[in-house]
Each structure stands twice: as C-alpha cells, then as structure tokens.
N, C-alpha and C. Protein backbone atom coordinates (compact mmCIF):
# COMPACT_ATOMS: atom_id res chain seq x y z
N MET A 1 8.83 23.60 16.45
CA MET A 1 10.15 22.53 16.91
C MET A 1 10.00 21.95 15.45
N ASP A 2 11.04 21.27 15.22
CA ASP A 2 11.39 20.09 14.20
C ASP A 2 11.94 18.73 15.02
N THR A 3 10.82 18.02 13.89
CA THR A 3 10.64 16.13 14.92
C THR A 3 11.15 15.80 12.79
N ASP A 4 12.84 14.70 13.59
CA ASP A 4 13.10 13.79 12.94
C ASP A 4 12.25 12.66 12.58
N VAL A 5 11.54 11.94 11.96
CA VAL A 5 11.08 10.68 11.38
C VAL A 5 11.87 9.59 10.77
N THR A 6 12.18 8.86 11.11
CA THR A 6 12.41 7.84 10.14
C THR A 6 11.21 7.38 9.36
N LEU A 7 11.10 7.58 8.05
CA LEU A 7 10.00 7.25 7.34
C LEU A 7 10.01 5.77 6.61
N CYS A 8 11.02 5.35 5.99
CA CYS A 8 11.50 3.98 5.91
C CYS A 8 13.17 3.92 5.10
N LYS A 9 12.91 2.71 4.59
CA LYS A 9 14.27 2.95 4.26
C LYS A 9 14.62 3.14 2.97
N VAL A 10 15.48 3.78 2.26
CA VAL A 10 16.08 4.35 0.96
C VAL A 10 15.44 3.53 0.17
N GLU A 11 15.69 2.23 -0.06
CA GLU A 11 15.14 1.12 -1.30
C GLU A 11 13.70 0.80 -1.09
N ASP A 12 12.92 1.18 -0.26
CA ASP A 12 11.39 1.33 -0.30
C ASP A 12 10.82 2.65 -1.81
N VAL A 13 11.91 3.31 -1.66
CA VAL A 13 10.95 4.21 -2.95
C VAL A 13 12.22 4.06 -3.88
N PRO A 14 11.44 3.61 -5.05
CA PRO A 14 12.47 3.09 -6.36
C PRO A 14 12.60 5.16 -6.92
N ASP A 15 13.94 4.38 -7.97
CA ASP A 15 14.32 5.77 -8.54
C ASP A 15 13.16 6.59 -9.59
N GLY A 16 12.44 7.60 -9.71
CA GLY A 16 11.61 8.05 -10.33
C GLY A 16 10.42 7.77 -9.73
N GLY A 17 10.21 7.30 -8.65
CA GLY A 17 8.99 6.73 -8.01
C GLY A 17 8.79 7.32 -7.29
N MET A 18 7.41 7.13 -7.02
CA MET A 18 6.67 8.13 -6.09
C MET A 18 6.32 6.95 -4.53
N LYS A 19 6.42 7.52 -3.37
CA LYS A 19 5.38 6.35 -2.74
C LYS A 19 4.49 7.49 -1.34
N HIS A 20 3.23 6.95 -1.24
CA HIS A 20 2.36 7.35 -0.43
C HIS A 20 2.56 7.05 1.27
N PHE A 21 2.65 7.49 2.17
CA PHE A 21 3.10 7.29 3.68
C PHE A 21 1.83 8.16 4.72
N GLU A 22 1.15 7.32 5.38
CA GLU A 22 0.54 8.44 6.67
C GLU A 22 1.38 7.94 7.70
N ILE A 23 1.69 9.51 8.39
CA ILE A 23 2.17 9.53 9.35
C ILE A 23 2.53 10.62 9.96
N MET A 24 2.25 10.09 11.50
CA MET A 24 1.56 11.05 12.30
C MET A 24 0.43 12.25 12.08
N GLY A 25 -0.46 11.64 11.79
CA GLY A 25 -1.41 12.32 11.64
C GLY A 25 -1.48 12.82 9.87
N TYR A 26 0.13 13.06 9.18
CA TYR A 26 -0.48 13.31 8.01
C TYR A 26 -0.44 12.11 6.46
N ASP A 27 -0.77 12.98 5.34
CA ASP A 27 -0.79 12.42 4.05
C ASP A 27 0.62 12.75 3.43
N ILE A 28 1.66 11.87 2.95
CA ILE A 28 2.81 12.66 2.67
C ILE A 28 2.87 11.89 1.20
N LEU A 29 3.96 12.46 0.39
CA LEU A 29 3.97 11.94 -0.37
C LEU A 29 5.86 12.14 -0.67
N VAL A 30 5.97 11.15 -1.09
CA VAL A 30 7.70 11.12 -1.13
C VAL A 30 8.19 10.66 -2.95
N VAL A 31 8.98 11.08 -3.62
CA VAL A 31 9.48 11.18 -4.84
C VAL A 31 11.07 11.07 -4.41
N ARG A 32 11.54 10.10 -4.88
CA ARG A 32 12.82 10.21 -5.22
C ARG A 32 13.13 10.02 -6.87
N LEU A 33 14.17 11.18 -7.15
CA LEU A 33 14.98 11.18 -8.35
C LEU A 33 16.16 10.93 -8.10
N ALA A 34 17.11 9.88 -8.44
CA ALA A 34 18.05 9.13 -8.78
C ALA A 34 18.73 9.92 -6.92
N ASP A 35 19.29 10.42 -6.41
CA ASP A 35 19.87 10.55 -4.95
C ASP A 35 19.15 11.80 -4.35
N ARG A 36 18.18 12.23 -4.87
CA ARG A 36 17.41 13.52 -4.36
C ARG A 36 16.14 12.80 -3.71
N PHE A 37 15.81 13.45 -2.51
CA PHE A 37 14.32 12.80 -2.13
C PHE A 37 13.43 13.86 -2.20
N PHE A 38 11.88 14.11 -2.34
CA PHE A 38 11.08 15.40 -2.38
C PHE A 38 10.23 14.66 -1.50
N CYS A 39 9.36 15.51 -0.58
CA CYS A 39 7.88 15.24 0.18
C CYS A 39 7.43 16.29 0.31
N VAL A 40 6.20 15.61 0.03
CA VAL A 40 5.21 17.02 0.26
C VAL A 40 3.95 16.01 0.24
N ASP A 41 2.76 17.43 0.77
CA ASP A 41 1.42 16.60 0.76
C ASP A 41 1.24 15.40 -0.14
N ALA A 42 0.40 15.22 0.33
CA ALA A 42 0.07 13.80 -0.72
C ALA A 42 -1.13 13.87 -1.45
N ALA A 43 -2.39 15.25 -0.77
CA ALA A 43 -3.41 15.52 -2.44
C ALA A 43 -3.64 16.69 -2.56
N CYS A 44 -4.23 16.37 -3.77
CA CYS A 44 -4.08 17.86 -4.49
C CYS A 44 -5.06 19.06 -3.75
N THR A 45 -4.78 19.45 -3.78
CA THR A 45 -5.37 20.85 -3.52
C THR A 45 -6.42 21.32 -3.82
N TYR A 46 -6.91 20.94 -5.47
CA TYR A 46 -8.35 21.05 -5.94
C TYR A 46 -8.68 20.02 -5.86
N LYS A 47 -8.76 18.68 -6.21
CA LYS A 47 -9.78 17.83 -6.77
C LYS A 47 -9.56 17.08 -5.26
N TRP A 48 -8.68 16.85 -4.19
CA TRP A 48 -8.42 16.37 -3.53
C TRP A 48 -7.71 14.78 -3.68
N ALA A 49 -7.95 14.97 -5.12
CA ALA A 49 -6.97 13.19 -5.67
C ALA A 49 -5.08 12.62 -4.39
N MET A 50 -5.33 11.57 -4.71
CA MET A 50 -4.28 11.21 -4.42
C MET A 50 -2.92 11.26 -5.22
N LEU A 51 -1.90 12.47 -5.64
CA LEU A 51 -0.85 12.70 -6.03
C LEU A 51 -0.36 11.20 -6.24
N GLN A 52 0.00 10.21 -5.63
CA GLN A 52 0.45 9.43 -5.85
C GLN A 52 0.29 8.56 -7.10
N ASP A 53 -1.06 8.69 -7.22
CA ASP A 53 -2.20 8.18 -8.81
C ASP A 53 -0.94 9.11 -9.78
N GLY A 54 -0.81 10.07 -9.44
CA GLY A 54 -0.86 11.12 -11.08
C GLY A 54 0.57 10.80 -11.24
N ARG A 55 1.37 11.62 -11.72
CA ARG A 55 3.08 11.49 -12.39
C ARG A 55 4.05 12.22 -11.57
N VAL A 56 5.69 12.27 -12.55
CA VAL A 56 6.23 13.01 -11.74
C VAL A 56 6.63 13.72 -12.80
N ASP A 57 7.52 15.03 -13.22
CA ASP A 57 8.35 15.63 -14.64
C ASP A 57 9.58 15.47 -13.64
N PRO A 58 10.58 14.73 -14.09
CA PRO A 58 11.55 14.78 -13.53
C PRO A 58 12.32 15.45 -13.70
N ASP A 59 12.43 16.71 -15.40
CA ASP A 59 13.03 17.68 -15.67
C ASP A 59 12.54 18.97 -15.28
N ASN A 60 11.29 18.84 -14.70
CA ASN A 60 10.74 20.26 -14.13
C ASN A 60 10.89 20.16 -12.66
N LEU A 61 11.25 19.39 -12.28
CA LEU A 61 10.49 19.24 -10.71
C LEU A 61 9.08 19.40 -10.64
N LEU A 62 8.11 18.42 -11.09
CA LEU A 62 6.90 18.74 -10.58
C LEU A 62 6.17 17.57 -10.32
N VAL A 63 5.24 17.56 -9.18
CA VAL A 63 4.23 16.45 -9.59
C VAL A 63 2.99 17.11 -10.15
N ILE A 64 2.44 16.13 -10.76
CA ILE A 64 1.58 16.05 -11.58
C ILE A 64 -0.25 15.57 -11.12
N CYS A 65 -1.20 16.19 -11.05
CA CYS A 65 -1.97 15.51 -10.09
C CYS A 65 -3.12 14.43 -12.00
N LYS A 66 -3.34 13.54 -11.56
CA LYS A 66 -3.88 12.33 -12.59
C LYS A 66 -5.34 13.58 -12.81
N ASP A 67 -6.27 13.93 -11.77
CA ASP A 67 -7.56 13.91 -11.83
C ASP A 67 -7.80 15.38 -12.76
N CYS A 68 -6.84 16.57 -12.05
CA CYS A 68 -6.99 18.02 -12.52
C CYS A 68 -5.55 18.03 -13.88
N ASN A 69 -4.81 17.69 -13.85
CA ASN A 69 -3.39 18.30 -14.34
C ASN A 69 -2.58 19.76 -14.08
N GLY A 70 -3.26 19.82 -12.70
CA GLY A 70 -2.72 20.85 -11.72
C GLY A 70 -1.13 20.08 -11.43
N SER A 71 -0.48 21.08 -11.50
CA SER A 71 0.91 20.34 -10.95
C SER A 71 1.83 21.59 -10.10
N TRP A 72 2.31 20.88 -9.06
CA TRP A 72 3.15 21.68 -7.89
C TRP A 72 5.02 21.27 -7.60
N ASP A 73 5.14 22.31 -7.50
CA ASP A 73 6.89 22.24 -8.02
C ASP A 73 7.23 21.27 -6.57
N LEU A 74 8.22 20.13 -6.77
CA LEU A 74 8.83 19.22 -5.49
C LEU A 74 10.06 20.09 -4.59
N GLU A 75 10.34 20.65 -4.88
CA GLU A 75 10.85 21.97 -4.01
C GLU A 75 10.22 22.33 -3.18
N THR A 76 9.05 23.34 -3.28
CA THR A 76 8.70 24.16 -2.79
C THR A 76 6.98 23.74 -2.63
N GLY A 77 6.45 23.41 -2.77
CA GLY A 77 5.64 22.83 -2.91
C GLY A 77 4.45 23.92 -3.39
N GLN A 78 4.47 24.43 -3.97
CA GLN A 78 4.28 26.14 -4.63
C GLN A 78 3.47 25.33 -5.98
N PRO A 79 1.87 25.75 -6.28
CA PRO A 79 1.18 25.47 -8.19
C PRO A 79 2.47 26.03 -8.74
N ARG A 80 2.35 25.50 -9.44
CA ARG A 80 2.97 25.93 -11.11
C ARG A 80 1.89 26.22 -12.00
N ASP A 81 1.05 24.79 -12.14
CA ASP A 81 -0.13 25.13 -13.09
C ASP A 81 -1.82 24.84 -12.73
N ALA A 82 -2.24 25.62 -13.58
CA ALA A 82 -3.55 25.61 -13.03
C ALA A 82 -4.10 24.34 -13.64
N PRO A 83 -5.28 24.16 -12.64
CA PRO A 83 -6.38 24.59 -11.66
C PRO A 83 -5.49 25.03 -10.48
N ALA A 84 -4.25 24.08 -10.27
CA ALA A 84 -3.34 24.11 -8.77
C ALA A 84 -3.24 25.48 -8.30
N LYS A 85 -3.74 25.77 -7.42
CA LYS A 85 -3.75 27.23 -6.86
C LYS A 85 -3.40 27.47 -5.36
N PHE A 86 -3.42 26.42 -5.05
CA PHE A 86 -2.99 26.45 -3.14
C PHE A 86 -1.70 25.58 -3.26
N PRO A 87 -0.91 26.11 -2.21
CA PRO A 87 1.23 25.25 -1.80
C PRO A 87 0.36 23.55 -1.75
N LEU A 88 0.73 22.79 -1.64
CA LEU A 88 1.41 22.05 -0.68
C LEU A 88 2.49 21.81 0.49
N THR A 89 2.61 21.86 1.07
CA THR A 89 3.45 21.73 2.72
C THR A 89 4.64 20.99 1.99
N SER A 90 5.79 21.41 2.01
CA SER A 90 6.64 20.78 1.49
C SER A 90 7.47 20.25 3.08
N TYR A 91 8.35 19.10 3.19
CA TYR A 91 9.07 18.62 4.31
C TYR A 91 10.74 18.37 3.46
N ARG A 92 11.50 18.65 4.48
CA ARG A 92 13.03 18.16 4.08
C ARG A 92 12.84 16.80 4.67
N ALA A 93 13.37 16.52 3.19
CA ALA A 93 13.80 14.74 3.21
C ALA A 93 14.92 14.34 2.56
N GLU A 94 15.57 12.96 3.58
CA GLU A 94 17.22 13.11 3.33
C GLU A 94 17.66 11.91 3.83
N ALA A 95 18.54 11.06 2.88
CA ALA A 95 18.90 9.91 3.29
C ALA A 95 19.62 9.96 4.30
N VAL A 96 19.84 8.92 5.37
CA VAL A 96 20.69 9.11 6.13
C VAL A 96 21.15 7.36 6.14
N GLY A 97 22.39 6.88 5.93
CA GLY A 97 22.37 5.50 5.87
C GLY A 97 21.60 5.09 5.35
N ASP A 98 20.94 4.27 5.40
CA ASP A 98 19.62 3.50 4.51
C ASP A 98 18.54 3.90 4.71
N ASP A 99 18.56 4.79 5.47
CA ASP A 99 17.06 5.45 6.21
C ASP A 99 16.92 6.59 5.82
N LEU A 100 15.66 6.67 5.49
CA LEU A 100 15.35 8.21 4.55
C LEU A 100 14.22 8.84 6.19
N ILE A 101 15.23 10.03 6.12
CA ILE A 101 14.77 11.35 7.27
C ILE A 101 13.53 11.82 6.96
N VAL A 102 12.76 12.04 7.50
CA VAL A 102 11.79 13.16 7.01
C VAL A 102 11.74 14.42 8.02
N THR A 103 10.91 15.67 7.66
CA THR A 103 11.94 16.50 9.37
C THR A 103 10.53 17.25 9.51
N PHE A 104 9.47 16.94 9.76
CA PHE A 104 8.32 17.97 10.45
C PHE A 104 8.74 19.47 11.37
N THR A 105 7.60 19.95 10.79
CA THR A 105 7.90 21.02 11.95
C THR A 105 6.84 21.68 12.11
N TYR A 106 6.84 21.75 13.52
CA TYR A 106 5.46 21.99 14.68
C TYR A 106 5.33 23.38 15.08
C-alpha cells in the first residue's frame, strides 16, 4: 500500500542541500538538486552515522557518509563505494505545487 505524505515546503530544502526528517517512524534524508528531489534512508548502513552530516556528489548522484566515506546512489539507494554494503531504501519524492510529497510503500 502506498501512502503519500506532505513532508515540507519545496523551499525548505535548498538547492544542492540535504535535510533530515523523522516521519511515521522513519528517518529519511531529502536531497535537492535543481528541480529534482531524492529521498533515501537517513543513516549509513555501515557506521550508522547520519548521512545529512556527509556530502552530496551532484555529478554522480551520490550521498557520501562523513564517517566511512561509503556512498549510495540517490536514485536507487544501492551502495556504490565501499565500505557501503547494504542498500538504503529509496522513496519517491516530488514537488506538487509548493509542497514536497514523499511516497511510502508498506
């Protein structure tokens, strides 16, 4: 079952920036690159560090952990660089008017 959740206003996530949200028992990370929004689990699967403290590689669409330097694909959540080994869950995120909507699948 899919559930759409209004997460925030589009303007709340700056271009090139990341923002952590806790919603419905989930810690998620939203990344904005121009008019595209990506949403993945917020914690590194290797060190359990919060990914919003890391950095984004906009050219390769990666989020990189500050503690282990592992990286994950923002589109799929799949690990790209070691020591990242396990994938992040990725969620559909899209701007609808002024709102950022995230779709959770149960």
